[in-house]
Amino acid sequence: FERSGNKKISLTPAGEMLLQYTDKLLDIYRELEYDMNLLIK
C-alpha cells in the first residue's frame, strides 16, 4: 500500500497483483467448502 499524508491509502503494483491472486484463492476455497459440504449433507 502507498500511504499519503491525509491518511488515504492506495494499492501499489505489488498490492494490485496480490489482490488478483487473493481473489482467485478465495474463489478456490469457497468452491472447496461448497463441494465438501455437498459430500456430507
PDB file of all heavy atoms in Angstrom:
ATOM      1  N   PHE A   1       0.832  -1.196   0.000  1.00  0.00           N
ATOM      2  CA  PHE A   1       0.000   0.000   0.000  1.00  0.00           C
ATOM      3  C   PHE A   1       0.870   1.249   0.000  1.00  0.00           C
ATOM      4  O   PHE A   1       1.950   1.268   0.601  1.00  0.00           O
ATOM      5  CB  PHE A   1      -0.926   0.039   1.232  1.00  0.00           C
ATOM      6  CG  PHE A   1      -1.920  -1.078   1.287  1.00  0.00           C
ATOM      7  CD1 PHE A   1      -1.640  -2.234   2.005  1.00  0.00           C
ATOM      8  CD2 PHE A   1      -3.133  -0.988   0.609  1.00  0.00           C
ATOM      9  CE1 PHE A   1      -2.553  -3.280   2.054  1.00  0.00           C
ATOM     10  CE2 PHE A   1      -4.041  -2.023   0.654  1.00  0.00           C
ATOM     11  CZ  PHE A   1      -3.752  -3.171   1.375  1.00  0.00           C
ATOM     12  N   GLU A   2       0.386   2.271  -0.669  1.00  0.00           N
ATOM     13  CA  GLU A   2       1.009   3.585  -0.597  1.00  0.00           C
ATOM     14  C   GLU A   2       0.207   4.435   0.371  1.00  0.00           C
ATOM     15  O   GLU A   2      -1.022   4.505   0.273  1.00  0.00           O
ATOM     16  CB  GLU A   2       1.036   4.238  -1.978  1.00  0.00           C
ATOM     17  CG  GLU A   2       1.965   3.565  -2.961  1.00  0.00           C
ATOM     18  CD  GLU A   2       1.961   4.235  -4.331  1.00  0.00           C
ATOM     19  OE1 GLU A   2       1.103   5.127  -4.523  1.00  0.00           O
ATOM     20  OE2 GLU A   2       2.775   3.865  -5.187  1.00  0.00           O
ATOM     21  N   ARG A   3       0.878   5.052   1.304  1.00  0.00           N
ATOM     22  CA  ARG A   3       0.197   5.879   2.308  1.00  0.00           C
ATOM     23  C   ARG A   3       0.481   7.339   2.027  1.00  0.00           C
ATOM     24  O   ARG A   3       1.638   7.741   1.871  1.00  0.00           O
ATOM     25  CB  ARG A   3       0.660   5.512   3.711  1.00  0.00           C
ATOM     26  CG  ARG A   3       0.207   4.121   4.175  1.00  0.00           C
ATOM     27  CD  ARG A   3       1.387   3.270   4.538  1.00  0.00           C
ATOM     28  NE  ARG A   3       0.970   1.993   5.130  1.00  0.00           N
ATOM     29  CZ  ARG A   3       1.374   0.825   4.662  1.00  0.00           C
ATOM     30  NH1 ARG A   3       2.190   0.757   3.614  1.00  0.00           N
ATOM     31  NH2 ARG A   3       0.973  -0.290   5.235  1.00  0.00           N
ATOM     32  N   SER A   4      -0.561   8.148   1.968  1.00  0.00           N
ATOM     33  CA  SER A   4      -0.393   9.585   1.740  1.00  0.00           C
ATOM     34  C   SER A   4      -0.586  10.332   3.062  1.00  0.00           C
ATOM     35  O   SER A   4      -1.069   9.764   4.044  1.00  0.00           O
ATOM     36  CB  SER A   4      -1.383  10.088   0.690  1.00  0.00           C
ATOM     37  OG  SER A   4      -2.714   9.851   1.108  1.00  0.00           O
ATOM     38  N   GLY A   5      -0.243  11.615   3.057  1.00  0.00           N
ATOM     39  CA  GLY A   5      -0.285  12.403   4.282  1.00  0.00           C
ATOM     40  C   GLY A   5      -1.669  12.562   4.867  1.00  0.00           C
ATOM     41  O   GLY A   5      -1.828  12.760   6.059  1.00  0.00           O
ATOM     42  N   ASN A   6      -2.723  12.487   4.038  1.00  0.00           N
ATOM     43  CA  ASN A   6      -4.092  12.678   4.544  1.00  0.00           C
ATOM     44  C   ASN A   6      -4.737  11.358   4.963  1.00  0.00           C
ATOM     45  O   ASN A   6      -5.951  11.225   4.985  1.00  0.00           O
ATOM     46  CB  ASN A   6      -4.961  13.365   3.488  1.00  0.00           C
ATOM     47  CG  ASN A   6      -4.985  12.592   2.175  1.00  0.00           C
ATOM     48  OD1 ASN A   6      -4.384  11.522   2.066  1.00  0.00           O
ATOM     49  ND2 ASN A   6      -5.682  13.127   1.191  1.00  0.00           N
ATOM     50  N   LYS A   7      -3.891  10.359   5.266  1.00  0.00           N
ATOM     51  CA  LYS A   7      -4.319   9.044   5.760  1.00  0.00           C
ATOM     52  C   LYS A   7      -5.008   8.191   4.708  1.00  0.00           C
ATOM     53  O   LYS A   7      -5.545   7.142   5.013  1.00  0.00           O
ATOM     54  CB  LYS A   7      -5.245   9.194   6.984  1.00  0.00           C
ATOM     55  CG  LYS A   7      -4.560   9.816   8.196  1.00  0.00           C
ATOM     56  CD  LYS A   7      -5.475   9.818   9.408  1.00  0.00           C
ATOM     57  CE  LYS A   7      -4.766  10.406  10.613  1.00  0.00           C
ATOM     58  NZ  LYS A   7      -5.636  10.409  11.812  1.00  0.00           N
ATOM     59  N   LYS A   8      -5.015   8.633   3.453  1.00  0.00           N
ATOM     60  CA  LYS A   8      -5.576   7.810   2.388  1.00  0.00           C
ATOM     61  C   LYS A   8      -4.536   6.795   1.942  1.00  0.00           C
ATOM     62  O   LYS A   8      -3.334   7.059   1.982  1.00  0.00           O
ATOM     63  CB  LYS A   8      -6.020   8.678   1.207  1.00  0.00           C
ATOM     64  CG  LYS A   8      -7.267   9.502   1.490  1.00  0.00           C
ATOM     65  CD  LYS A   8      -7.759  10.201   0.231  1.00  0.00           C
ATOM     66  CE  LYS A   8      -9.050  10.964   0.502  1.00  0.00           C
ATOM     67  NZ  LYS A   8      -9.561  11.637  -0.722  1.00  0.00           N
ATOM     68  N   ILE A   9      -5.007   5.627   1.534  1.00  0.00           N
ATOM     69  CA  ILE A   9      -4.089   4.604   1.056  1.00  0.00           C
ATOM     70  C   ILE A   9      -4.528   4.135  -0.331  1.00  0.00           C
ATOM     71  O   ILE A   9      -5.693   4.258  -0.711  1.00  0.00           O
ATOM     72  CB  ILE A   9      -4.016   3.392   2.013  1.00  0.00           C
ATOM     73  CG1 ILE A   9      -5.380   2.710   2.139  1.00  0.00           C
ATOM     74  CG2 ILE A   9      -3.482   3.804   3.374  1.00  0.00           C
ATOM     75  CD1 ILE A   9      -5.334   1.407   2.914  1.00  0.00           C
ATOM     76  N   SER A  10      -3.588   3.608  -1.080  1.00  0.00           N
ATOM     77  CA  SER A  10      -3.876   3.029  -2.391  1.00  0.00           C
ATOM     78  C   SER A  10      -2.963   1.832  -2.591  1.00  0.00           C
ATOM     79  O   SER A  10      -1.935   1.690  -1.915  1.00  0.00           O
ATOM     80  CB  SER A  10      -3.665   4.063  -3.507  1.00  0.00           C
ATOM     81  OG  SER A  10      -2.336   4.537  -3.486  1.00  0.00           O
ATOM     82  N   LEU A  11      -3.326   0.960  -3.505  1.00  0.00           N
ATOM     83  CA  LEU A  11      -2.536  -0.241  -3.757  1.00  0.00           C
ATOM     84  C   LEU A  11      -1.316   0.085  -4.616  1.00  0.00           C
ATOM     85  O   LEU A  11      -1.406   0.856  -5.575  1.00  0.00           O
ATOM     86  CB  LEU A  11      -3.391  -1.295  -4.474  1.00  0.00           C
ATOM     87  CG  LEU A  11      -4.441  -2.007  -3.622  1.00  0.00           C
ATOM     88  CD1 LEU A  11      -5.427  -2.739  -4.507  1.00  0.00           C
ATOM     89  CD2 LEU A  11      -3.778  -2.993  -2.659  1.00  0.00           C
ATOM     90  N   THR A  12      -0.199  -0.505  -4.269  1.00  0.00           N
ATOM     91  CA  THR A  12       0.981  -0.445  -5.130  1.00  0.00           C
ATOM     92  C   THR A  12       0.808  -1.485  -6.238  1.00  0.00           C
ATOM     93  O   THR A  12      -0.112  -2.311  -6.183  1.00  0.00           O
ATOM     94  CB  THR A  12       2.250  -0.777  -4.325  1.00  0.00           C
ATOM     95  OG1 THR A  12       2.149  -2.136  -3.881  1.00  0.00           O
ATOM     96  CG2 THR A  12       2.416   0.158  -3.143  1.00  0.00           C
ATOM     97  N   PRO A  13       1.674  -1.470  -7.260  1.00  0.00           N
ATOM     98  CA  PRO A  13       1.588  -2.537  -8.280  1.00  0.00           C
ATOM     99  C   PRO A  13       1.660  -3.938  -7.664  1.00  0.00           C
ATOM    100  O   PRO A  13       0.952  -4.859  -8.101  1.00  0.00           O
ATOM    101  CB  PRO A  13       2.794  -2.248  -9.175  1.00  0.00           C
ATOM    102  CG  PRO A  13       2.964  -0.760  -9.080  1.00  0.00           C
ATOM    103  CD  PRO A  13       2.640  -0.422  -7.655  1.00  0.00           C
ATOM    104  N   ALA A  14       2.503  -4.113  -6.630  1.00  0.00           N
ATOM    105  CA  ALA A  14       2.582  -5.413  -5.947  1.00  0.00           C
ATOM    106  C   ALA A  14       1.260  -5.725  -5.245  1.00  0.00           C
ATOM    107  O   ALA A  14       0.801  -6.875  -5.243  1.00  0.00           O
ATOM    108  CB  ALA A  14       3.732  -5.406  -4.943  1.00  0.00           C
ATOM    109  N   GLY A  15       0.651  -4.695  -4.641  1.00  0.00           N
ATOM    110  CA  GLY A  15      -0.642  -4.886  -3.988  1.00  0.00           C
ATOM    111  C   GLY A  15      -1.725  -5.272  -4.975  1.00  0.00           C
ATOM    112  O   GLY A  15      -2.570  -6.135  -4.696  1.00  0.00           O
ATOM    113  N   GLU A  16      -1.719  -4.638  -6.157  1.00  0.00           N
ATOM    114  CA  GLU A  16      -2.685  -4.985  -7.211  1.00  0.00           C
ATOM    115  C   GLU A  16      -2.542  -6.439  -7.615  1.00  0.00           C
ATOM    116  O   GLU A  16      -3.533  -7.160  -7.782  1.00  0.00           O
ATOM    117  CB  GLU A  16      -2.480  -4.078  -8.435  1.00  0.00           C
ATOM    118  CG  GLU A  16      -2.803  -2.611  -8.209  1.00  0.00           C
ATOM    119  CD  GLU A  16      -4.285  -2.306  -8.302  1.00  0.00           C
ATOM    120  OE1 GLU A  16      -5.079  -3.259  -8.445  1.00  0.00           O
ATOM    121  OE2 GLU A  16      -4.643  -1.114  -8.228  1.00  0.00           O
ATOM    122  N   MET A  17      -1.287  -6.887  -7.774  1.00  0.00           N
ATOM    123  CA  MET A  17      -1.049  -8.278  -8.165  1.00  0.00           C
ATOM    124  C   MET A  17      -1.513  -9.245  -7.081  1.00  0.00           C
ATOM    125  O   MET A  17      -2.163 -10.264  -7.355  1.00  0.00           O
ATOM    126  CB  MET A  17       0.435  -8.504  -8.460  1.00  0.00           C
ATOM    127  CG  MET A  17       0.760  -9.929  -8.901  1.00  0.00           C
ATOM    128  SD  MET A  17       2.503 -10.185  -9.226  1.00  0.00           S
ATOM    129  CE  MET A  17       2.693  -9.208 -10.732  1.00  0.00           C
ATOM    130  N   LEU A  18      -1.187  -8.917  -5.829  1.00  0.00           N
ATOM    131  CA  LEU A  18      -1.593  -9.797  -4.732  1.00  0.00           C
ATOM    132  C   LEU A  18      -3.109  -9.864  -4.617  1.00  0.00           C
ATOM    133  O   LEU A  18      -3.670 -10.931  -4.321  1.00  0.00           O
ATOM    134  CB  LEU A  18      -0.985  -9.311  -3.414  1.00  0.00           C
ATOM    135  CG  LEU A  18      -1.244 -10.211  -2.196  1.00  0.00           C
ATOM    136  CD1 LEU A  18      -0.698 -11.615  -2.424  1.00  0.00           C
ATOM    137  CD2 LEU A  18      -0.634  -9.598  -0.932  1.00  0.00           C
ATOM    138  N   LEU A  19      -3.793  -8.752  -4.864  1.00  0.00           N
ATOM    139  CA  LEU A  19      -5.254  -8.751  -4.817  1.00  0.00           C
ATOM    140  C   LEU A  19      -5.836  -9.689  -5.869  1.00  0.00           C
ATOM    141  O   LEU A  19      -6.783 -10.428  -5.593  1.00  0.00           O
ATOM    142  CB  LEU A  19      -5.790  -7.328  -5.019  1.00  0.00           C
ATOM    143  CG  LEU A  19      -7.315  -7.176  -5.029  1.00  0.00           C
ATOM    144  CD1 LEU A  19      -7.929  -7.689  -3.736  1.00  0.00           C
ATOM    145  CD2 LEU A  19      -7.719  -5.721  -5.281  1.00  0.00           C
ATOM    146  N   GLN A  20      -5.260  -9.685  -7.069  1.00  0.00           N
ATOM    147  CA  GLN A  20      -5.741 -10.583  -8.127  1.00  0.00           C
ATOM    148  C   GLN A  20      -5.607 -12.039  -7.714  1.00  0.00           C
ATOM    149  O   GLN A  20      -6.521 -12.839  -7.897  1.00  0.00           O
ATOM    150  CB  GLN A  20      -4.965 -10.329  -9.421  1.00  0.00           C
ATOM    151  CG  GLN A  20      -5.256  -8.989 -10.074  1.00  0.00           C
ATOM    152  CD  GLN A  20      -4.411  -8.766 -11.312  1.00  0.00           C
ATOM    153  OE1 GLN A  20      -3.904  -9.698 -11.910  1.00  0.00           O
ATOM    154  NE2 GLN A  20      -4.237  -7.502 -11.698  1.00  0.00           N
ATOM    155  N   TYR A  21      -4.453 -12.386  -7.132  1.00  0.00           N
ATOM    156  CA  TYR A  21      -4.239 -13.772  -6.713  1.00  0.00           C
ATOM    157  C   TYR A  21      -5.104 -14.137  -5.504  1.00  0.00           C
ATOM    158  O   TYR A  21      -5.610 -15.260  -5.400  1.00  0.00           O
ATOM    159  CB  TYR A  21      -2.759 -14.004  -6.389  1.00  0.00           C
ATOM    160  CG  TYR A  21      -1.926 -14.291  -7.612  1.00  0.00           C
ATOM    161  CD1 TYR A  21      -1.162 -13.297  -8.210  1.00  0.00           C
ATOM    162  CD2 TYR A  21      -1.897 -15.565  -8.182  1.00  0.00           C
ATOM    163  CE1 TYR A  21      -0.403 -13.554  -9.350  1.00  0.00           C
ATOM    164  CE2 TYR A  21      -1.151 -15.835  -9.307  1.00  0.00           C
ATOM    165  CZ  TYR A  21      -0.406 -14.830  -9.892  1.00  0.00           C
ATOM    166  OH  TYR A  21       0.334 -15.101 -11.016  1.00  0.00           O
ATOM    167  N   THR A  22      -5.284 -13.190  -4.597  1.00  0.00           N
ATOM    168  CA  THR A  22      -6.120 -13.460  -3.420  1.00  0.00           C
ATOM    169  C   THR A  22      -7.566 -13.694  -3.835  1.00  0.00           C
ATOM    170  O   THR A  22      -8.259 -14.557  -3.279  1.00  0.00           O
ATOM    171  CB  THR A  22      -6.036 -12.288  -2.421  1.00  0.00           C
ATOM    172  OG1 THR A  22      -4.672 -12.036  -2.097  1.00  0.00           O
ATOM    173  CG2 THR A  22      -6.787 -12.606  -1.135  1.00  0.00           C
ATOM    174  N   ASP A  23      -8.041 -12.922  -4.828  1.00  0.00           N
ATOM    175  CA  ASP A  23      -9.387 -13.153  -5.374  1.00  0.00           C
ATOM    176  C   ASP A  23      -9.530 -14.593  -5.853  1.00  0.00           C
ATOM    177  O   ASP A  23     -10.525 -15.265  -5.566  1.00  0.00           O
ATOM    178  CB  ASP A  23      -9.648 -12.201  -6.552  1.00  0.00           C
ATOM    179  CG  ASP A  23     -10.482 -10.997  -6.148  1.00  0.00           C
ATOM    180  OD1 ASP A  23     -11.355 -11.160  -5.284  1.00  0.00           O
ATOM    181  OD2 ASP A  23     -10.268  -9.913  -6.696  1.00  0.00           O
ATOM    182  N   LYS A  24      -8.538 -15.060  -6.601  1.00  0.00           N
ATOM    183  CA  LYS A  24      -8.584 -16.431  -7.135  1.00  0.00           C
ATOM    184  C   LYS A  24      -8.541 -17.464  -6.016  1.00  0.00           C
ATOM    185  O   LYS A  24      -9.270 -18.464  -6.043  1.00  0.00           O
ATOM    186  CB  LYS A  24      -7.415 -16.659  -8.099  1.00  0.00           C
ATOM    187  CG  LYS A  24      -7.484 -15.836  -9.371  1.00  0.00           C
ATOM    188  CD  LYS A  24      -6.230 -16.031 -10.226  1.00  0.00           C
ATOM    189  CE  LYS A  24      -6.255 -15.142 -11.460  1.00  0.00           C
ATOM    190  NZ  LYS A  24      -5.009 -15.267 -12.263  1.00  0.00           N
ATOM    191  N   LEU A  25      -7.682 -17.227  -5.017  1.00  0.00           N
ATOM    192  CA  LEU A  25      -7.578 -18.161  -3.899  1.00  0.00           C
ATOM    193  C   LEU A  25      -8.877 -18.239  -3.107  1.00  0.00           C
ATOM    194  O   LEU A  25      -9.310 -19.333  -2.706  1.00  0.00           O
ATOM    195  CB  LEU A  25      -6.426 -17.738  -2.977  1.00  0.00           C
ATOM    196  CG  LEU A  25      -5.019 -17.974  -3.508  1.00  0.00           C
ATOM    197  CD1 LEU A  25      -3.993 -17.262  -2.633  1.00  0.00           C
ATOM    198  CD2 LEU A  25      -4.707 -19.465  -3.576  1.00  0.00           C
ATOM    199  N   LEU A  26      -9.515 -17.096  -2.885  1.00  0.00           N
ATOM    200  CA  LEU A  26     -10.784 -17.088  -2.159  1.00  0.00           C
ATOM    201  C   LEU A  26     -11.852 -17.858  -2.919  1.00  0.00           C
ATOM    202  O   LEU A  26     -12.649 -18.593  -2.323  1.00  0.00           O
ATOM    203  CB  LEU A  26     -11.239 -15.646  -1.905  1.00  0.00           C
ATOM    204  CG  LEU A  26     -10.486 -14.902  -0.803  1.00  0.00           C
ATOM    205  CD1 LEU A  26     -10.834 -13.421  -0.829  1.00  0.00           C
ATOM    206  CD2 LEU A  26     -10.814 -15.489   0.572  1.00  0.00           C
ATOM    207  N   ASP A  27     -11.884 -17.700  -4.245  1.00  0.00           N
ATOM    208  CA  ASP A  27     -12.837 -18.459  -5.065  1.00  0.00           C
ATOM    209  C   ASP A  27     -12.594 -19.957  -4.917  1.00  0.00           C
ATOM    210  O   ASP A  27     -13.544 -20.745  -4.794  1.00  0.00           O
ATOM    211  CB  ASP A  27     -12.714 -18.062  -6.539  1.00  0.00           C
ATOM    212  CG  ASP A  27     -13.371 -16.734  -6.843  1.00  0.00           C
ATOM    213  OD1 ASP A  27     -14.210 -16.298  -6.032  1.00  0.00           O
ATOM    214  OD2 ASP A  27     -13.052 -16.133  -7.883  1.00  0.00           O
ATOM    215  N   ILE A  28     -11.321 -20.364  -4.949  1.00  0.00           N
ATOM    216  CA  ILE A  28     -10.992 -21.792  -4.820  1.00  0.00           C
ATOM    217  C   ILE A  28     -11.425 -22.327  -3.461  1.00  0.00           C
ATOM    218  O   ILE A  28     -12.008 -23.406  -3.362  1.00  0.00           O
ATOM    219  CB  ILE A  28      -9.482 -22.012  -5.039  1.00  0.00           C
ATOM    220  CG1 ILE A  28      -9.123 -21.753  -6.506  1.00  0.00           C
ATOM    221  CG2 ILE A  28      -9.069 -23.425  -4.634  1.00  0.00           C
ATOM    222  CD1 ILE A  28      -7.636 -21.707  -6.773  1.00  0.00           C
ATOM    223  N   TYR A  29     -11.168 -21.563  -2.397  1.00  0.00           N
ATOM    224  CA  TYR A  29     -11.554 -22.017  -1.058  1.00  0.00           C
ATOM    225  C   TYR A  29     -13.074 -22.081  -0.900  1.00  0.00           C
ATOM    226  O   TYR A  29     -13.607 -22.974  -0.240  1.00  0.00           O
ATOM    227  CB  TYR A  29     -10.937 -21.114   0.013  1.00  0.00           C
ATOM    228  CG  TYR A  29      -9.552 -21.561   0.430  1.00  0.00           C
ATOM    229  CD1 TYR A  29      -8.429 -21.069  -0.218  1.00  0.00           C
ATOM    230  CD2 TYR A  29      -9.360 -22.494   1.450  1.00  0.00           C
ATOM    231  CE1 TYR A  29      -7.145 -21.488   0.138  1.00  0.00           C
ATOM    232  CE2 TYR A  29      -8.095 -22.913   1.819  1.00  0.00           C
ATOM    233  CZ  TYR A  29      -6.988 -22.411   1.156  1.00  0.00           C
ATOM    234  OH  TYR A  29      -5.729 -22.833   1.510  1.00  0.00           O
ATOM    235  N   ARG A  30     -13.783 -21.152  -1.523  1.00  0.00           N
ATOM    236  CA  ARG A  30     -15.243 -21.198  -1.461  1.00  0.00           C
ATOM    237  C   ARG A  30     -15.766 -22.438  -2.180  1.00  0.00           C
ATOM    238  O   ARG A  30     -16.692 -23.098  -1.707  1.00  0.00           O
ATOM    239  CB  ARG A  30     -15.837 -19.925  -2.071  1.00  0.00           C
ATOM    240  CG  ARG A  30     -15.800 -18.717  -1.141  1.00  0.00           C
ATOM    241  CD  ARG A  30     -16.639 -17.566  -1.674  1.00  0.00           C
ATOM    242  NE  ARG A  30     -16.001 -16.920  -2.809  1.00  0.00           N
ATOM    243  CZ  ARG A  30     -15.274 -15.815  -2.731  1.00  0.00           C
ATOM    244  NH1 ARG A  30     -15.077 -15.240  -1.567  1.00  0.00           N
ATOM    245  NH2 ARG A  30     -14.733 -15.279  -3.817  1.00  0.00           N
ATOM    246  N   GLU A  31     -15.169 -22.745  -3.333  1.00  0.00           N
ATOM    247  CA  GLU A  31     -15.571 -23.937  -4.073  1.00  0.00           C
ATOM    248  C   GLU A  31     -15.271 -25.198  -3.282  1.00  0.00           C
ATOM    249  O   GLU A  31     -16.062 -26.140  -3.259  1.00  0.00           O
ATOM    250  CB  GLU A  31     -14.841 -23.981  -5.426  1.00  0.00           C
ATOM    251  CG  GLU A  31     -15.336 -22.971  -6.429  1.00  0.00           C
ATOM    252  CD  GLU A  31     -16.831 -23.087  -6.658  1.00  0.00           C
ATOM    253  OE1 GLU A  31     -17.301 -24.206  -6.948  1.00  0.00           O
ATOM    254  OE2 GLU A  31     -17.536 -22.080  -6.517  1.00  0.00           O
ATOM    255  N   LEU A  32     -14.111 -25.232  -2.647  1.00  0.00           N
ATOM    256  CA  LEU A  32     -13.733 -26.384  -1.834  1.00  0.00           C
ATOM    257  C   LEU A  32     -14.733 -26.602  -0.708  1.00  0.00           C
ATOM    258  O   LEU A  32     -15.218 -27.729  -0.483  1.00  0.00           O
ATOM    259  CB  LEU A  32     -12.325 -26.168  -1.266  1.00  0.00           C
ATOM    260  CG  LEU A  32     -11.833 -27.214  -0.258  1.00  0.00           C
ATOM    261  CD1 LEU A  32     -11.751 -28.590  -0.899  1.00  0.00           C
ATOM    262  CD2 LEU A  32     -10.467 -26.796   0.304  1.00  0.00           C
ATOM    263  N   GLU A  33     -15.066 -25.524  -0.009  1.00  0.00           N
ATOM    264  CA  GLU A  33     -16.020 -25.627   1.101  1.00  0.00           C
ATOM    265  C   GLU A  33     -17.387 -26.089   0.607  1.00  0.00           C
ATOM    266  O   GLU A  33     -18.035 -26.943   1.220  1.00  0.00           O
ATOM    267  CB  GLU A  33     -16.138 -24.265   1.790  1.00  0.00           C
ATOM    268  CG  GLU A  33     -17.036 -24.277   3.014  1.00  0.00           C
ATOM    269  CD  GLU A  33     -17.127 -22.915   3.667  1.00  0.00           C
ATOM    270  OE1 GLU A  33     -16.536 -21.957   3.137  1.00  0.00           O
ATOM    271  OE2 GLU A  33     -17.816 -22.807   4.702  1.00  0.00           O
ATOM    272  N   TYR A  34     -17.818 -25.539  -0.527  1.00  0.00           N
ATOM    273  CA  TYR A  34     -19.114 -25.905  -1.112  1.00  0.00           C
ATOM    274  C   TYR A  34     -19.154 -27.388  -1.465  1.00  0.00           C
ATOM    275  O   TYR A  34     -20.074 -28.117  -1.095  1.00  0.00           O
ATOM    276  CB  TYR A  34     -19.337 -25.043  -2.352  1.00  0.00           C
ATOM    277  CG  TYR A  34     -20.599 -25.339  -3.130  1.00  0.00           C
ATOM    278  CD1 TYR A  34     -21.849 -25.038  -2.613  1.00  0.00           C
ATOM    279  CD2 TYR A  34     -20.524 -25.907  -4.405  1.00  0.00           C
ATOM    280  CE1 TYR A  34     -23.001 -25.295  -3.342  1.00  0.00           C
ATOM    281  CE2 TYR A  34     -21.680 -26.170  -5.138  1.00  0.00           C
ATOM    282  CZ  TYR A  34     -22.903 -25.860  -4.597  1.00  0.00           C
ATOM    283  OH  TYR A  34     -24.040 -26.108  -5.319  1.00  0.00           O
ATOM    284  N   ASP A  35     -18.137 -27.868  -2.176  1.00  0.00           N
ATOM    285  CA  ASP A  35     -18.126 -29.259  -2.621  1.00  0.00           C
ATOM    286  C   ASP A  35     -17.971 -30.233  -1.460  1.00  0.00           C
ATOM    287  O   ASP A  35     -18.564 -31.318  -1.461  1.00  0.00           O
ATOM    288  CB  ASP A  35     -17.007 -29.484  -3.642  1.00  0.00           C
ATOM    289  CG  ASP A  35     -17.323 -28.852  -4.986  1.00  0.00           C
ATOM    290  OD1 ASP A  35     -18.529 -28.667  -5.281  1.00  0.00           O
ATOM    291  OD2 ASP A  35     -16.393 -28.536  -5.742  1.00  0.00           O
ATOM    292  N   MET A  36     -17.185 -29.871  -0.444  1.00  0.00           N
ATOM    293  CA  MET A  36     -17.052 -30.737   0.728  1.00  0.00           C
ATOM    294  C   MET A  36     -18.369 -30.841   1.482  1.00  0.00           C
ATOM    295  O   MET A  36     -18.745 -31.922   1.960  1.00  0.00           O
ATOM    296  CB  MET A  36     -15.952 -30.208   1.650  1.00  0.00           C
ATOM    297  CG  MET A  36     -14.547 -30.309   1.070  1.00  0.00           C
ATOM    298  SD  MET A  36     -14.029 -32.012   0.753  1.00  0.00           S
ATOM    299  CE  MET A  36     -13.733 -32.583   2.416  1.00  0.00           C
ATOM    300  N   ASN A  37     -19.096 -29.719   1.573  1.00  0.00           N
ATOM    301  CA  ASN A  37     -20.396 -29.755   2.242  1.00  0.00           C
ATOM    302  C   ASN A  37     -21.393 -30.625   1.490  1.00  0.00           C
ATOM    303  O   ASN A  37     -22.224 -31.312   2.092  1.00  0.00           O
ATOM    304  CB  ASN A  37     -20.953 -28.335   2.385  1.00  0.00           C
ATOM    305  CG  ASN A  37     -20.281 -27.557   3.492  1.00  0.00           C
ATOM    306  OD1 ASN A  37     -19.748 -28.143   4.427  1.00  0.00           O
ATOM    307  ND2 ASN A  37     -20.286 -26.242   3.403  1.00  0.00           N
ATOM    308  N   LEU A  38     -21.308 -30.603   0.157  1.00  0.00           N
ATOM    309  CA  LEU A  38     -22.210 -31.440  -0.634  1.00  0.00           C
ATOM    310  C   LEU A  38     -22.003 -32.922  -0.354  1.00  0.00           C
ATOM    311  O   LEU A  38     -22.933 -33.719  -0.402  1.00  0.00           O
ATOM    312  CB  LEU A  38     -22.014 -31.179  -2.136  1.00  0.00           C
ATOM    313  CG  LEU A  38     -22.558 -29.870  -2.689  1.00  0.00           C
ATOM    314  CD1 LEU A  38     -22.324 -29.808  -4.195  1.00  0.00           C
ATOM    315  CD2 LEU A  38     -24.039 -29.716  -2.394  1.00  0.00           C
ATOM    316  N   LEU A  39     -20.766 -33.290  -0.065  1.00  0.00           N
ATOM    317  CA  LEU A  39     -20.452 -34.695   0.177  1.00  0.00           C
ATOM    318  C   LEU A  39     -21.078 -35.212   1.468  1.00  0.00           C
ATOM    319  O   LEU A  39     -21.432 -36.388   1.566  1.00  0.00           O
ATOM    320  CB  LEU A  39     -18.935 -34.897   0.240  1.00  0.00           C
ATOM    321  CG  LEU A  39     -18.175 -34.841  -1.083  1.00  0.00           C
ATOM    322  CD1 LEU A  39     -16.676 -34.938  -0.823  1.00  0.00           C
ATOM    323  CD2 LEU A  39     -18.620 -35.974  -2.012  1.00  0.00           C
ATOM    324  N   ILE A  40     -21.206 -34.336   2.455  1.00  0.00           N
ATOM    325  CA  ILE A  40     -21.631 -34.811   3.777  1.00  0.00           C
ATOM    326  C   ILE A  40     -23.079 -34.464   4.110  1.00  0.00           C
ATOM    327  O   ILE A  40     -23.614 -34.947   5.099  1.00  0.00           O
ATOM    328  CB  ILE A  40     -20.706 -34.252   4.875  1.00  0.00           C
ATOM    329  CG1 ILE A  40     -20.760 -32.729   4.917  1.00  0.00           C
ATOM    330  CG2 ILE A  40     -19.280 -34.725   4.666  1.00  0.00           C
ATOM    331  CD1 ILE A  40     -19.978 -32.110   6.070  1.00  0.00           C
ATOM    332  N   LYS A  41     -23.714 -33.657   3.280  1.00  0.00           N
ATOM    333  CA  LYS A  41     -25.081 -33.247   3.594  1.00  0.00           C
ATOM    334  C   LYS A  41     -26.090 -33.885   2.649  1.00  0.00           C
ATOM    335  O   LYS A  41     -25.814 -34.080   1.475  1.00  0.00           O
ATOM    336  CB  LYS A  41     -25.221 -31.726   3.496  1.00  0.00           C
ATOM    337  CG  LYS A  41     -24.543 -30.961   4.613  1.00  0.00           C
ATOM    338  CD  LYS A  41     -24.808 -29.464   4.459  1.00  0.00           C
ATOM    339  CE  LYS A  41     -24.142 -28.675   5.569  1.00  0.00           C
ATOM    340  NZ  LYS A  41     -24.360 -27.211   5.406  1.00  0.00           N
TER     341      LYS A  41
END
